[in-house]
Amino acid sequence: QHFEDFDFTDTNFELSSFEGCVFENCTFIDSKIFNMRISGCDFQNCLFDKVVFDAVAIGAGGGVYSQCLFRKCDFSRQSFCCPKFELCNFDYCKF
């Protein structure tokens, strides 16, 4: 599935699953990305602002984060499974 120019502001993704999806020019502001599966998904030029990543295996099954901006995101209770970040910026994030 391909998501282009979607605004996911305040969306609750808890217990959701995305596999092999492409997210292009999407906005995630105050989204709830908790206890979900993201496998083999590509994120291109997306904005993640004030998102708490909790119980999400970032990078599981492959996938690339390319030219994404992560601003004031919380990765402190997060696991990384060999994620690939290309030309991404992390502004005021917590690890």
PDB file of N, CA and C in Angstrom:
ATOM      1  N   GLN A   1       0.839  -1.165   0.000  1.00  0.00           N
ATOM      2  CA  GLN A   1       0.000   0.000   0.000  1.00  0.00           C
ATOM      3  C   GLN A   1       0.891   1.238   0.000  1.00  0.00           C
ATOM      4  N   HIS A   2       0.467   2.258  -0.707  1.00  0.00           N
ATOM      5  CA  HIS A   2       1.237   3.486  -0.851  1.00  0.00           C
ATOM      6  C   HIS A   2       0.427   4.647  -0.269  1.00  0.00           C
ATOM      7  N   PHE A   3       1.029   5.319   0.710  1.00  0.00           N
ATOM      8  CA  PHE A   3       0.404   6.491   1.332  1.00  0.00           C
ATOM      9  C   PHE A   3       1.210   7.715   0.922  1.00  0.00           C
ATOM     10  N   GLU A   4       0.589   8.632   0.198  1.00  0.00           N
ATOM     11  CA  GLU A   4       1.288   9.834  -0.240  1.00  0.00           C
ATOM     12  C   GLU A   4       0.520  11.072   0.215  1.00  0.00           C
ATOM     13  N   ASP A   5       1.265  11.993   0.856  1.00  0.00           N
ATOM     14  CA  ASP A   5       0.700  13.255   1.344  1.00  0.00           C
ATOM     15  C   ASP A   5      -0.422  13.054   2.369  1.00  0.00           C
ATOM     16  N   PHE A   6      -0.329  11.995   3.159  1.00  0.00           N
ATOM     17  CA  PHE A   6      -1.323  11.752   4.215  1.00  0.00           C
ATOM     18  C   PHE A   6      -0.928  12.514   5.471  1.00  0.00           C
ATOM     19  N   ASP A   7      -1.914  13.030   6.162  1.00  0.00           N
ATOM     20  CA  ASP A   7      -1.698  13.687   7.443  1.00  0.00           C
ATOM     21  C   ASP A   7      -2.230  12.761   8.540  1.00  0.00           C
ATOM     22  N   PHE A   8      -1.306  12.163   9.275  1.00  0.00           N
ATOM     23  CA  PHE A   8      -1.659  11.228  10.338  1.00  0.00           C
ATOM     24  C   PHE A   8      -1.604  11.898  11.715  1.00  0.00           C
ATOM     25  N   THR A   9      -1.781  13.204  11.782  1.00  0.00           N
ATOM     26  CA  THR A   9      -1.738  13.928  13.042  1.00  0.00           C
ATOM     27  C   THR A   9      -2.765  13.356  14.023  1.00  0.00           C
ATOM     28  N   ASP A  10      -2.301  13.109  15.254  1.00  0.00           N
ATOM     29  CA  ASP A  10      -3.137  12.582  16.346  1.00  0.00           C
ATOM     30  C   ASP A  10      -3.725  11.198  16.067  1.00  0.00           C
ATOM     31  N   THR A  11      -3.178  10.480  15.119  1.00  0.00           N
ATOM     32  CA  THR A  11      -3.672   9.131  14.826  1.00  0.00           C
ATOM     33  C   THR A  11      -3.121   8.139  15.841  1.00  0.00           C
ATOM     34  N   ASN A  12      -3.971   7.244  16.311  1.00  0.00           N
ATOM     35  CA  ASN A  12      -3.568   6.198  17.244  1.00  0.00           C
ATOM     36  C   ASN A  12      -3.336   4.910  16.453  1.00  0.00           C
ATOM     37  N   PHE A  13      -2.063   4.522  16.337  1.00  0.00           N
ATOM     38  CA  PHE A  13      -1.693   3.316  15.596  1.00  0.00           C
ATOM     39  C   PHE A  13      -1.506   2.102  16.506  1.00  0.00           C
ATOM     40  N   GLU A  14      -1.900   2.200  17.758  1.00  0.00           N
ATOM     41  CA  GLU A  14      -1.669   1.113  18.713  1.00  0.00           C
ATOM     42  C   GLU A  14      -2.238  -0.198  18.194  1.00  0.00           C
ATOM     43  N   LEU A  15      -1.419  -1.251  18.272  1.00  0.00           N
ATOM     44  CA  LEU A  15      -1.759  -2.610  17.856  1.00  0.00           C
ATOM     45  C   LEU A  15      -2.031  -2.727  16.358  1.00  0.00           C
ATOM     46  N   SER A  16      -1.527  -1.777  15.567  1.00  0.00           N
ATOM     47  CA  SER A  16      -1.660  -1.841  14.110  1.00  0.00           C
ATOM     48  C   SER A  16      -0.473  -2.576  13.516  1.00  0.00           C
ATOM     49  N   SER A  17      -0.598  -2.929  12.246  1.00  0.00           N
ATOM     50  CA  SER A  17       0.483  -3.605  11.549  1.00  0.00           C
ATOM     51  C   SER A  17       0.569  -3.080  10.121  1.00  0.00           C
ATOM     52  N   PHE A  18       1.788  -2.699   9.716  1.00  0.00           N
ATOM     53  CA  PHE A  18       2.049  -2.275   8.344  1.00  0.00           C
ATOM     54  C   PHE A  18       3.198  -3.120   7.815  1.00  0.00           C
ATOM     55  N   GLU A  19       2.992  -3.733   6.649  1.00  0.00           N
ATOM     56  CA  GLU A  19       4.038  -4.549   6.036  1.00  0.00           C
ATOM     57  C   GLU A  19       4.196  -4.162   4.575  1.00  0.00           C
ATOM     58  N   GLY A  20       5.428  -3.836   4.192  1.00  0.00           N
ATOM     59  CA  GLY A  20       5.736  -3.523   2.809  1.00  0.00           C
ATOM     60  C   GLY A  20       5.067  -2.260   2.276  1.00  0.00           C
ATOM     61  N   CYS A  21       4.747  -1.329   3.135  1.00  0.00           N
ATOM     62  CA  CYS A  21       4.079  -0.088   2.718  1.00  0.00           C
ATOM     63  C   CYS A  21       5.111   0.991   2.407  1.00  0.00           C
ATOM     64  N   VAL A  22       4.664   1.985   1.641  1.00  0.00           N
ATOM     65  CA  VAL A  22       5.472   3.160   1.352  1.00  0.00           C
ATOM     66  C   VAL A  22       4.715   4.378   1.862  1.00  0.00           C
ATOM     67  N   PHE A  23       5.396   5.198   2.653  1.00  0.00           N
ATOM     68  CA  PHE A  23       4.848   6.443   3.166  1.00  0.00           C
ATOM     69  C   PHE A  23       5.683   7.568   2.565  1.00  0.00           C
ATOM     70  N   GLU A  24       5.056   8.418   1.771  1.00  0.00           N
ATOM     71  CA  GLU A  24       5.775   9.475   1.084  1.00  0.00           C
ATOM     72  C   GLU A  24       5.148  10.828   1.398  1.00  0.00           C
ATOM     73  N   ASN A  25       5.976  11.759   1.889  1.00  0.00           N
ATOM     74  CA  ASN A  25       5.513  13.105   2.251  1.00  0.00           C
ATOM     75  C   ASN A  25       4.363  13.070   3.256  1.00  0.00           C
ATOM     76  N   CYS A  26       4.459  12.194   4.217  1.00  0.00           N
ATOM     77  CA  CYS A  26       3.407  12.065   5.232  1.00  0.00           C
ATOM     78  C   CYS A  26       3.806  12.794   6.510  1.00  0.00           C
ATOM     79  N   THR A  27       2.802  13.198   7.267  1.00  0.00           N
ATOM     80  CA  THR A  27       3.005  13.938   8.500  1.00  0.00           C
ATOM     81  C   THR A  27       2.460  13.147   9.676  1.00  0.00           C
ATOM     82  N   PHE A  28       3.310  12.964  10.682  1.00  0.00           N
ATOM     83  CA  PHE A  28       2.931  12.279  11.910  1.00  0.00           C
ATOM     84  C   PHE A  28       3.216  13.252  13.063  1.00  0.00           C
ATOM     85  N   ILE A  29       2.199  13.962  13.541  1.00  0.00           N
ATOM     86  CA  ILE A  29       2.364  14.893  14.660  1.00  0.00           C
ATOM     87  C   ILE A  29       1.509  14.396  15.817  1.00  0.00           C
ATOM     88  N   ASP A  30       2.148  14.200  16.971  1.00  0.00           N
ATOM     89  CA  ASP A  30       1.457  13.676  18.162  1.00  0.00           C
ATOM     90  C   ASP A  30       0.755  12.351  17.881  1.00  0.00           C
ATOM     91  N   SER A  31       1.261  11.594  16.937  1.00  0.00           N
ATOM     92  CA  SER A  31       0.683  10.282  16.633  1.00  0.00           C
ATOM     93  C   SER A  31       1.101   9.285  17.700  1.00  0.00           C
ATOM     94  N   LYS A  32       0.263   8.303  17.960  1.00  0.00           N
ATOM     95  CA  LYS A  32       0.558   7.254  18.931  1.00  0.00           C
ATOM     96  C   LYS A  32       1.098   6.040  18.174  1.00  0.00           C
ATOM     97  N   ILE A  33       2.411   5.885  18.209  1.00  0.00           N
ATOM     98  CA  ILE A  33       3.051   4.741  17.549  1.00  0.00           C
ATOM     99  C   ILE A  33       3.533   3.836  18.661  1.00  0.00           C
ATOM    100  N   PHE A  34       2.625   2.984  19.115  1.00  0.00           N
ATOM    101  CA  PHE A  34       2.843   2.173  20.316  1.00  0.00           C
ATOM    102  C   PHE A  34       2.419   0.735  20.042  1.00  0.00           C
ATOM    103  N   ASN A  35       3.286  -0.193  20.412  1.00  0.00           N
ATOM    104  CA  ASN A  35       2.975  -1.620  20.347  1.00  0.00           C
ATOM    105  C   ASN A  35       2.418  -2.004  18.974  1.00  0.00           C
ATOM    106  N   MET A  36       3.183  -1.675  17.952  1.00  0.00           N
ATOM    107  CA  MET A  36       2.743  -1.991  16.600  1.00  0.00           C
ATOM    108  C   MET A  36       3.876  -2.608  15.813  1.00  0.00           C
ATOM    109  N   ARG A  37       3.540  -3.152  14.671  1.00  0.00           N
ATOM    110  CA  ARG A  37       4.529  -3.796  13.800  1.00  0.00           C
ATOM    111  C   ARG A  37       4.666  -2.988  12.513  1.00  0.00           C
ATOM    112  N   ILE A  38       5.906  -2.586  12.222  1.00  0.00           N
ATOM    113  CA  ILE A  38       6.241  -1.918  10.970  1.00  0.00           C
ATOM    114  C   ILE A  38       7.334  -2.751  10.322  1.00  0.00           C
ATOM    115  N   SER A  39       6.996  -3.493   9.280  1.00  0.00           N
ATOM    116  CA  SER A  39       7.945  -4.427   8.680  1.00  0.00           C
ATOM    117  C   SER A  39       8.134  -4.115   7.197  1.00  0.00           C
ATOM    118  N   GLY A  40       9.378  -3.879   6.808  1.00  0.00           N
ATOM    119  CA  GLY A  40       9.704  -3.672   5.406  1.00  0.00           C
ATOM    120  C   GLY A  40       9.055  -2.445   4.794  1.00  0.00           C
ATOM    121  N   CYS A  41       8.805  -1.424   5.589  1.00  0.00           N
ATOM    122  CA  CYS A  41       8.161  -0.201   5.095  1.00  0.00           C
ATOM    123  C   CYS A  41       9.208   0.872   4.807  1.00  0.00           C
ATOM    124  N   ASP A  42       8.934   1.665   3.785  1.00  0.00           N
ATOM    125  CA  ASP A  42       9.798   2.791   3.442  1.00  0.00           C
ATOM    126  C   ASP A  42       9.086   4.096   3.771  1.00  0.00           C
ATOM    127  N   PHE A  43       9.829   5.016   4.381  1.00  0.00           N
ATOM    128  CA  PHE A  43       9.325   6.341   4.721  1.00  0.00           C
ATOM    129  C   PHE A  43      10.205   7.351   3.993  1.00  0.00           C
ATOM    130  N   GLN A  44       9.602   8.141   3.109  1.00  0.00           N
ATOM    131  CA  GLN A  44      10.344   9.090   2.303  1.00  0.00           C
ATOM    132  C   GLN A  44       9.822  10.505   2.555  1.00  0.00           C
ATOM    133  N   ASN A  45      10.725  11.376   2.987  1.00  0.00           N
ATOM    134  CA  ASN A  45      10.394  12.781   3.216  1.00  0.00           C
ATOM    135  C   ASN A  45       9.187  12.954   4.146  1.00  0.00           C
ATOM    136  N   CYS A  46       9.198  12.228   5.255  1.00  0.00           N
ATOM    137  CA  CYS A  46       8.102  12.303   6.229  1.00  0.00           C
ATOM    138  C   CYS A  46       8.526  13.127   7.444  1.00  0.00           C
ATOM    139  N   LEU A  47       7.544  13.719   8.093  1.00  0.00           N
ATOM    140  CA  LEU A  47       7.770  14.483   9.317  1.00  0.00           C
ATOM    141  C   LEU A  47       7.182  13.720  10.492  1.00  0.00           C
ATOM    142  N   PHE A  48       8.018  13.480  11.512  1.00  0.00           N
ATOM    143  CA  PHE A  48       7.582  12.886  12.772  1.00  0.00           C
ATOM    144  C   PHE A  48       7.834  13.932  13.845  1.00  0.00           C
ATOM    145  N   ASP A  49       6.767  14.484  14.414  1.00  0.00           N
ATOM    146  CA  ASP A  49       6.899  15.568  15.379  1.00  0.00           C
ATOM    147  C   ASP A  49       6.177  15.186  16.676  1.00  0.00           C
ATOM    148  N   LYS A  50       6.927  15.184  17.781  1.00  0.00           N
ATOM    149  CA  LYS A  50       6.391  14.840  19.108  1.00  0.00           C
ATOM    150  C   LYS A  50       5.738  13.461  19.115  1.00  0.00           C
ATOM    151  N   VAL A  51       6.393  12.520  18.468  1.00  0.00           N
ATOM    152  CA  VAL A  51       5.909  11.140  18.421  1.00  0.00           C
ATOM    153  C   VAL A  51       6.700  10.314  19.431  1.00  0.00           C
ATOM    154  N   VAL A  52       5.993   9.515  20.220  1.00  0.00           N
ATOM    155  CA  VAL A  52       6.640   8.582  21.130  1.00  0.00           C
ATOM    156  C   VAL A  52       6.603   7.206  20.468  1.00  0.00           C
ATOM    157  N   PHE A  53       7.787   6.695  20.184  1.00  0.00           N
ATOM    158  CA  PHE A  53       7.900   5.343  19.623  1.00  0.00           C
ATOM    159  C   PHE A  53       8.090   4.393  20.793  1.00  0.00           C
ATOM    160  N   ASP A  54       7.135   3.511  21.013  1.00  0.00           N
ATOM    161  CA  ASP A  54       7.196   2.615  22.160  1.00  0.00           C
ATOM    162  C   ASP A  54       6.750   1.223  21.726  1.00  0.00           C
ATOM    163  N   ALA A  55       7.600   0.237  21.964  1.00  0.00           N
ATOM    164  CA  ALA A  55       7.315  -1.160  21.623  1.00  0.00           C
ATOM    165  C   ALA A  55       7.094  -1.339  20.122  1.00  0.00           C
ATOM    166  N   VAL A  56       7.965  -0.678  19.340  1.00  0.00           N
ATOM    167  CA  VAL A  56       7.953  -0.805  17.885  1.00  0.00           C
ATOM    168  C   VAL A  56       9.363  -1.194  17.473  1.00  0.00           C
ATOM    169  N   ALA A  57       9.500  -2.264  16.718  1.00  0.00           N
ATOM    170  CA  ALA A  57      10.823  -2.690  16.264  1.00  0.00           C
ATOM    171  C   ALA A  57      11.164  -1.936  14.983  1.00  0.00           C
ATOM    172  N   ILE A  58      11.804  -0.792  15.127  1.00  0.00           N
ATOM    173  CA  ILE A  58      12.156   0.038  13.972  1.00  0.00           C
ATOM    174  C   ILE A  58      13.228  -0.671  13.152  1.00  0.00           C
ATOM    175  N   GLY A  59      12.943  -0.856  11.868  1.00  0.00           N
ATOM    176  CA  GLY A  59      13.881  -1.520  10.972  1.00  0.00           C
ATOM    177  C   GLY A  59      13.616  -2.993  10.790  1.00  0.00           C
ATOM    178  N   ALA A  60      12.647  -3.557  11.498  1.00  0.00           N
ATOM    179  CA  ALA A  60      12.346  -4.990  11.360  1.00  0.00           C
ATOM    180  C   ALA A  60      11.895  -5.284   9.927  1.00  0.00           C
ATOM    181  N   GLY A  61      12.420  -6.326   9.358  1.00  0.00           N
ATOM    182  CA  GLY A  61      12.018  -6.728   8.016  1.00  0.00           C
ATOM    183  C   GLY A  61      12.521  -5.803   6.928  1.00  0.00           C
ATOM    184  N   GLY A  62      13.503  -4.958   7.249  1.00  0.00           N
ATOM    185  CA  GLY A  62      14.037  -4.030   6.258  1.00  0.00           C
ATOM    186  C   GLY A  62      13.280  -2.717   6.267  1.00  0.00           C
ATOM    187  N   GLY A  63      13.382  -2.011   5.192  1.00  0.00           N
ATOM    188  CA  GLY A  63      12.743  -0.701   5.099  1.00  0.00           C
ATOM    189  C   GLY A  63      13.752   0.406   5.316  1.00  0.00           C
ATOM    190  N   VAL A  64      13.447   1.562   4.738  1.00  0.00           N
ATOM    191  CA  VAL A  64      14.359   2.695   4.765  1.00  0.00           C
ATOM    192  C   VAL A  64      13.601   3.950   5.188  1.00  0.00           C
ATOM    193  N   TYR A  65      14.248   4.751   6.012  1.00  0.00           N
ATOM    194  CA  TYR A  65      13.763   6.086   6.360  1.00  0.00           C
ATOM    195  C   TYR A  65      14.671   7.047   5.609  1.00  0.00           C
ATOM    196  N   SER A  66      14.128   7.724   4.599  1.00  0.00           N
ATOM    197  CA  SER A  66      14.932   8.575   3.734  1.00  0.00           C
ATOM    198  C   SER A  66      14.439  10.020   3.800  1.00  0.00           C
ATOM    199  N   GLN A  67      15.353  10.937   4.118  1.00  0.00           N
ATOM    200  CA  GLN A  67      15.086  12.371   4.183  1.00  0.00           C
ATOM    201  C   GLN A  67      13.899  12.703   5.097  1.00  0.00           C
ATOM    202  N   CYS A  68      13.822  12.004   6.216  1.00  0.00           N
ATOM    203  CA  CYS A  68      12.759  12.247   7.201  1.00  0.00           C
ATOM    204  C   CYS A  68      13.271  13.188   8.289  1.00  0.00           C
ATOM    205  N   LEU A  69      12.343  13.928   8.872  1.00  0.00           N
ATOM    206  CA  LEU A  69      12.657  14.790  10.004  1.00  0.00           C
ATOM    207  C   LEU A  69      11.960  14.247  11.234  1.00  0.00           C
ATOM    208  N   PHE A  70      12.757  13.978  12.271  1.00  0.00           N
ATOM    209  CA  PHE A  70      12.242  13.538  13.556  1.00  0.00           C
ATOM    210  C   PHE A  70      12.473  14.697  14.523  1.00  0.00           C
ATOM    211  N   ARG A  71      11.395  15.315  15.002  1.00  0.00           N
ATOM    212  CA  ARG A  71      11.519  16.481  15.869  1.00  0.00           C
ATOM    213  C   ARG A  71      10.815  16.196  17.196  1.00  0.00           C
ATOM    214  N   LYS A  72      11.565  16.332  18.285  1.00  0.00           N
ATOM    215  CA  LYS A  72      11.047  16.132  19.640  1.00  0.00           C
ATOM    216  C   LYS A  72      10.394  14.754  19.795  1.00  0.00           C
ATOM    217  N   CYS A  73      10.970  13.752  19.160  1.00  0.00           N
ATOM    218  CA  CYS A  73      10.462  12.379  19.283  1.00  0.00           C
ATOM    219  C   CYS A  73      11.159  11.671  20.436  1.00  0.00           C
ATOM    220  N   ASP A  74      10.485  10.690  20.991  1.00  0.00           N
ATOM    221  CA  ASP A  74      11.022   9.921  22.115  1.00  0.00           C
ATOM    222  C   ASP A  74      11.264   8.484  21.670  1.00  0.00           C
ATOM    223  N   PHE A  75      12.542   8.119  21.610  1.00  0.00           N
ATOM    224  CA  PHE A  75      12.956   6.761  21.253  1.00  0.00           C
ATOM    225  C   PHE A  75      13.508   6.022  22.474  1.00  0.00           C
ATOM    226  N   SER A  76      13.326   6.578  23.683  1.00  0.00           N
ATOM    227  CA  SER A  76      14.026   6.072  24.866  1.00  0.00           C
ATOM    228  C   SER A  76      13.630   4.647  25.251  1.00  0.00           C
ATOM    229  N   ARG A  77      12.436   4.216  24.919  1.00  0.00           N
ATOM    230  CA  ARG A  77      12.023   2.836  25.252  1.00  0.00           C
ATOM    231  C   ARG A  77      11.820   2.033  23.966  1.00  0.00           C
ATOM    232  N   GLN A  78      12.727   2.249  23.039  1.00  0.00           N
ATOM    233  CA  GLN A  78      12.599   1.717  21.695  1.00  0.00           C
ATOM    234  C   GLN A  78      13.710   0.731  21.387  1.00  0.00           C
ATOM    235  N   SER A  79      13.397  -0.255  20.538  1.00  0.00           N
ATOM    236  CA  SER A  79      14.440  -1.154  20.041  1.00  0.00           C
ATOM    237  C   SER A  79      14.634  -0.886  18.551  1.00  0.00           C
ATOM    238  N   PHE A  80      15.876  -0.943  18.135  1.00  0.00           N
ATOM    239  CA  PHE A  80      16.210  -0.742  16.723  1.00  0.00           C
ATOM    240  C   PHE A  80      16.715  -2.058  16.157  1.00  0.00           C
ATOM    241  N   CYS A  81      16.106  -2.507  15.064  1.00  0.00           N
ATOM    242  CA  CYS A  81      16.480  -3.773  14.415  1.00  0.00           C
ATOM    243  C   CYS A  81      17.149  -3.465  13.084  1.00  0.00           C
ATOM    244  N   CYS A  82      18.348  -2.947  13.127  1.00  0.00           N
ATOM    245  CA  CYS A  82      19.118  -2.605  11.929  1.00  0.00           C
ATOM    246  C   CYS A  82      18.374  -1.654  10.999  1.00  0.00           C
ATOM    247  N   PRO A  83      17.868  -0.553  11.523  1.00  0.00           N
ATOM    248  CA  PRO A  83      17.176   0.391  10.640  1.00  0.00           C
ATOM    249  C   PRO A  83      18.160   1.092   9.706  1.00  0.00           C
ATOM    250  N   LYS A  84      17.653   1.526   8.573  1.00  0.00           N
ATOM    251  CA  LYS A  84      18.476   2.273   7.635  1.00  0.00           C
ATOM    252  C   LYS A  84      17.899   3.681   7.538  1.00  0.00           C
ATOM    253  N   PHE A  85      18.700   4.660   7.975  1.00  0.00           N
ATOM    254  CA  PHE A  85      18.325   6.064   7.914  1.00  0.00           C
ATOM    255  C   PHE A  85      19.224   6.744   6.885  1.00  0.00           C
ATOM    256  N   GLU A  86      18.615   7.382   5.896  1.00  0.00           N
ATOM    257  CA  GLU A  86      19.371   8.088   4.872  1.00  0.00           C
ATOM    258  C   GLU A  86      19.000   9.571   4.905  1.00  0.00           C
ATOM    259  N   LEU A  87      19.966  10.425   5.189  1.00  0.00           N
ATOM    260  CA  LEU A  87      19.779  11.879   5.181  1.00  0.00           C
ATOM    261  C   LEU A  87      18.608  12.326   6.049  1.00  0.00           C
ATOM    262  N   CYS A  88      18.466  11.704   7.206  1.00  0.00           N
ATOM    263  CA  CYS A  88      17.415  12.080   8.160  1.00  0.00           C
ATOM    264  C   CYS A  88      17.988  13.038   9.203  1.00  0.00           C
ATOM    265  N   ASN A  89      17.129  13.866   9.765  1.00  0.00           N
ATOM    266  CA  ASN A  89      17.522  14.761  10.846  1.00  0.00           C
ATOM    267  C   ASN A  89      16.744  14.403  12.109  1.00  0.00           C
ATOM    268  N   PHE A  90      17.449  14.465  13.237  1.00  0.00           N
ATOM    269  CA  PHE A  90      16.866  14.187  14.536  1.00  0.00           C
ATOM    270  C   PHE A  90      17.063  15.442  15.387  1.00  0.00           C
ATOM    271  N   ASP A  91      16.005  16.238  15.545  1.00  0.00           N
ATOM    272  CA  ASP A  91      16.086  17.490  16.285  1.00  0.00           C
ATOM    273  C   ASP A  91      15.407  17.338  17.640  1.00  0.00           C
ATOM    274  N   TYR A  92      16.186  17.536  18.700  1.00  0.00           N
ATOM    275  CA  TYR A  92      15.667  17.519  20.071  1.00  0.00           C
ATOM    276  C   TYR A  92      14.958  16.196  20.407  1.00  0.00           C
ATOM    277  N   CYS A  93      15.503  15.090  19.930  1.00  0.00           N
ATOM    278  CA  CYS A  93      14.931  13.770  20.204  1.00  0.00           C
ATOM    279  C   CYS A  93      15.580  13.167  21.439  1.00  0.00           C
ATOM    280  N   LYS A  94      14.856  12.264  22.066  1.00  0.00           N
ATOM    281  CA  LYS A  94      15.349  11.562  23.248  1.00  0.00           C
ATOM    282  C   LYS A  94      15.635  10.107  22.873  1.00  0.00           C
ATOM    283  N   PHE A  95      16.878   9.665  23.180  1.00  0.00           N
ATOM    284  CA  PHE A  95      17.262   8.284  22.879  1.00  0.00           C
ATOM    285  C   PHE A  95      17.603   7.551  24.156  1.00  0.00           C
TER     286      PHE A  95
END
